[in-house]
């Protein structure tokens, strides 16, 4: 099943565009597939910069539960 696509226009440094085209050619893939993969990875990396709030809450609770142990280990 094909996902709908939306055309867009932008500008990029020639060496980046050339490298992306070369990757697509070497892998036998369409340029748009390589570009989409790169965009997805970029977005995933950006979303990982900050830990999720529920993860941080669990971490903080663990630190509190084990505070005495941490103090003993620090000595």
N, C-alpha and C. Protein backbone atom coordinates (compact mmCIF):
# COMPACT_ATOMS: atom_id res chain seq x y z
N UNK A 1 0.84 -1.18 0.00
CA UNK A 1 0.00 0.00 0.00
C UNK A 1 0.88 1.24 0.00
N UNK A 2 0.65 2.15 -0.92
CA UNK A 2 1.43 3.38 -1.01
C UNK A 2 0.88 4.41 -0.04
N UNK A 3 1.80 5.03 0.69
CA UNK A 3 1.41 6.12 1.56
C UNK A 3 1.32 7.39 0.73
N UNK A 4 0.38 8.27 1.05
CA UNK A 4 0.32 9.53 0.29
C UNK A 4 1.60 10.33 0.50
N UNK A 5 2.01 11.01 -0.50
CA UNK A 5 3.22 11.84 -0.45
C UNK A 5 2.84 13.28 -0.74
N UNK A 6 3.67 14.17 -0.23
CA UNK A 6 3.47 15.60 -0.47
C UNK A 6 4.75 16.17 -1.04
N UNK A 7 4.64 16.85 -2.15
CA UNK A 7 5.81 17.47 -2.76
C UNK A 7 6.19 18.72 -1.97
N UNK A 8 7.50 18.97 -1.91
CA UNK A 8 7.98 20.19 -1.29
C UNK A 8 9.25 20.61 -2.01
N UNK A 9 9.61 21.84 -1.79
CA UNK A 9 10.80 22.38 -2.43
C UNK A 9 11.68 23.01 -1.37
N UNK A 10 12.96 22.79 -1.49
CA UNK A 10 13.90 23.38 -0.55
C UNK A 10 15.25 23.52 -1.23
N UNK A 11 16.20 24.01 -0.50
CA UNK A 11 17.55 24.14 -1.02
C UNK A 11 18.51 23.50 -0.04
N UNK A 12 19.60 22.94 -0.57
CA UNK A 12 20.59 22.27 0.26
C UNK A 12 21.96 22.44 -0.37
N UNK A 13 22.98 22.30 0.44
CA UNK A 13 24.35 22.40 -0.07
C UNK A 13 24.57 21.30 -1.11
N UNK A 14 25.21 21.65 -2.23
CA UNK A 14 25.41 20.68 -3.31
C UNK A 14 26.10 19.39 -2.88
N UNK A 15 27.07 19.48 -1.98
CA UNK A 15 27.77 18.26 -1.56
C UNK A 15 26.86 17.31 -0.77
N UNK A 16 25.93 17.86 0.02
CA UNK A 16 24.97 17.01 0.74
C UNK A 16 24.03 16.31 -0.23
N UNK A 17 23.53 17.07 -1.17
CA UNK A 17 22.62 16.50 -2.16
C UNK A 17 23.33 15.43 -2.98
N UNK A 18 24.54 15.70 -3.37
CA UNK A 18 25.31 14.73 -4.14
C UNK A 18 25.57 13.45 -3.36
N UNK A 19 25.89 13.60 -2.09
CA UNK A 19 26.14 12.44 -1.25
C UNK A 19 24.87 11.61 -1.07
N UNK A 20 23.73 12.27 -0.85
CA UNK A 20 22.46 11.54 -0.71
C UNK A 20 22.13 10.80 -2.01
N UNK A 21 22.34 11.44 -3.13
CA UNK A 21 22.07 10.78 -4.42
C UNK A 21 22.99 9.58 -4.63
N UNK A 22 24.24 9.72 -4.21
CA UNK A 22 25.20 8.63 -4.36
C UNK A 22 24.81 7.45 -3.45
N UNK A 23 24.37 7.73 -2.25
CA UNK A 23 23.91 6.67 -1.34
C UNK A 23 22.75 5.92 -1.97
N UNK A 24 21.78 6.67 -2.49
CA UNK A 24 20.61 6.05 -3.13
C UNK A 24 21.05 5.18 -4.31
N UNK A 25 21.96 5.69 -5.12
CA UNK A 25 22.42 4.94 -6.29
C UNK A 25 23.13 3.65 -5.87
N UNK A 26 24.05 3.75 -4.90
CA UNK A 26 24.81 2.58 -4.45
C UNK A 26 23.90 1.52 -3.83
N UNK A 27 22.84 1.96 -3.15
CA UNK A 27 21.94 1.02 -2.50
C UNK A 27 20.80 0.57 -3.41
N UNK A 28 20.74 1.13 -4.62
CA UNK A 28 19.69 0.77 -5.55
C UNK A 28 18.31 1.19 -5.07
N UNK A 29 18.26 2.34 -4.41
CA UNK A 29 17.01 2.84 -3.85
C UNK A 29 16.63 4.15 -4.52
N UNK A 30 15.37 4.52 -4.37
CA UNK A 30 14.93 5.82 -4.85
C UNK A 30 15.46 6.90 -3.92
N UNK A 31 15.80 8.04 -4.50
CA UNK A 31 16.31 9.16 -3.71
C UNK A 31 15.31 9.53 -2.62
N UNK A 32 14.03 9.58 -2.96
CA UNK A 32 13.03 10.01 -1.97
C UNK A 32 12.98 9.05 -0.77
N UNK A 33 13.26 7.76 -0.98
CA UNK A 33 13.26 6.80 0.13
C UNK A 33 14.43 7.08 1.07
N UNK A 34 15.59 7.40 0.51
CA UNK A 34 16.77 7.71 1.32
C UNK A 34 16.54 9.01 2.08
N UNK A 35 15.98 10.00 1.42
CA UNK A 35 15.70 11.28 2.07
C UNK A 35 14.69 11.10 3.20
N UNK A 36 13.64 10.33 2.95
CA UNK A 36 12.62 10.10 3.97
C UNK A 36 13.23 9.37 5.18
N UNK A 37 14.08 8.38 4.92
CA UNK A 37 14.74 7.67 6.02
C UNK A 37 15.59 8.63 6.86
N UNK A 38 16.32 9.49 6.19
CA UNK A 38 17.16 10.47 6.89
C UNK A 38 16.31 11.42 7.73
N UNK A 39 15.19 11.85 7.18
CA UNK A 39 14.30 12.75 7.92
C UNK A 39 13.71 12.05 9.15
N UNK A 40 13.31 10.80 8.98
CA UNK A 40 12.75 10.04 10.12
C UNK A 40 13.79 9.87 11.23
N UNK A 41 15.02 9.55 10.85
CA UNK A 41 16.07 9.38 11.85
C UNK A 41 16.38 10.69 12.55
N UNK A 42 16.37 11.77 11.81
CA UNK A 42 16.61 13.10 12.40
C UNK A 42 15.53 13.41 13.44
N UNK A 43 14.29 13.17 13.07
CA UNK A 43 13.17 13.44 13.99
C UNK A 43 13.27 12.54 15.22
N UNK A 44 13.57 11.26 15.03
CA UNK A 44 13.72 10.34 16.16
C UNK A 44 14.83 10.82 17.11
N UNK A 45 15.95 11.24 16.55
CA UNK A 45 17.06 11.72 17.38
C UNK A 45 16.67 12.99 18.14
N UNK A 46 15.96 13.87 17.51
CA UNK A 46 15.52 15.09 18.18
C UNK A 46 14.58 14.78 19.33
N UNK A 47 13.71 13.79 19.13
CA UNK A 47 12.75 13.43 20.16
C UNK A 47 13.42 12.72 21.33
N UNK A 48 14.61 12.20 21.14
CA UNK A 48 15.33 11.50 22.21
C UNK A 48 16.20 12.42 23.04
N UNK A 49 16.29 13.67 22.68
CA UNK A 49 17.15 14.58 23.43
C UNK A 49 16.71 14.70 24.88
N UNK A 50 15.42 14.70 25.13
CA UNK A 50 14.91 14.83 26.48
C UNK A 50 14.24 13.52 26.87
N UNK A 51 14.64 12.96 28.01
CA UNK A 51 13.95 11.75 28.46
C UNK A 51 12.47 12.05 28.73
N UNK A 52 11.65 11.07 28.49
CA UNK A 52 10.22 11.25 28.75
C UNK A 52 10.00 11.51 30.23
N UNK A 53 8.97 12.28 30.55
CA UNK A 53 8.68 12.67 31.93
C UNK A 53 8.47 11.46 32.83
N UNK A 54 7.77 10.44 32.34
CA UNK A 54 7.51 9.28 33.20
C UNK A 54 8.80 8.51 33.50
N UNK A 55 9.74 8.52 32.57
CA UNK A 55 11.03 7.88 32.80
C UNK A 55 11.80 8.63 33.88
N UNK A 56 11.81 9.94 33.78
CA UNK A 56 12.50 10.75 34.78
C UNK A 56 11.86 10.61 36.15
N UNK A 57 10.54 10.47 36.21
CA UNK A 57 9.85 10.28 37.50
C UNK A 57 10.28 8.96 38.14
N UNK A 58 10.37 7.90 37.34
CA UNK A 58 10.83 6.62 37.87
C UNK A 58 12.28 6.72 38.35
N UNK A 59 13.11 7.40 37.59
CA UNK A 59 14.50 7.58 37.98
C UNK A 59 14.60 8.33 39.30
N UNK A 60 13.86 9.42 39.42
CA UNK A 60 13.90 10.22 40.65
C UNK A 60 13.41 9.41 41.85
N UNK A 61 12.37 8.61 41.66
CA UNK A 61 11.85 7.76 42.74
C UNK A 61 12.91 6.74 43.16
N UNK A 62 13.62 6.19 42.19
CA UNK A 62 14.67 5.22 42.49
C UNK A 62 15.80 5.88 43.27
N UNK A 63 16.17 7.08 42.88
CA UNK A 63 17.23 7.80 43.60
C UNK A 63 16.81 8.02 45.05
N UNK A 64 15.57 8.43 45.25
CA UNK A 64 15.07 8.66 46.61
C UNK A 64 15.05 7.36 47.41
N UNK A 65 14.58 6.28 46.81
CA UNK A 65 14.50 4.99 47.50
C UNK A 65 15.89 4.49 47.93
N UNK A 66 16.88 4.78 47.12
CA UNK A 66 18.22 4.25 47.36
C UNK A 66 19.21 5.33 47.81
N UNK A 67 18.69 6.41 48.36
CA UNK A 67 19.56 7.53 48.77
C UNK A 67 20.60 7.06 49.78
N UNK A 68 20.18 6.30 50.79
CA UNK A 68 21.11 5.87 51.84
C UNK A 68 22.24 5.01 51.24
N UNK A 69 21.89 4.10 50.35
CA UNK A 69 22.89 3.27 49.69
C UNK A 69 23.88 4.15 48.92
N UNK A 70 23.37 5.15 48.21
CA UNK A 70 24.23 6.06 47.46
C UNK A 70 25.20 6.80 48.37
N UNK A 71 24.71 7.23 49.54
CA UNK A 71 25.58 7.92 50.49
C UNK A 71 26.65 7.00 51.01
N UNK A 72 26.27 5.74 51.30
CA UNK A 72 27.24 4.76 51.81
C UNK A 72 28.31 4.48 50.74
N UNK A 73 27.90 4.35 49.50
CA UNK A 73 28.86 4.08 48.43
C UNK A 73 29.77 5.27 48.18
N UNK A 74 29.28 6.47 48.45
CA UNK A 74 30.08 7.67 48.20
C UNK A 74 31.22 7.80 49.23
N UNK A 75 31.09 7.15 50.38
CA UNK A 75 32.13 7.24 51.42
C UNK A 75 33.33 6.47 51.07
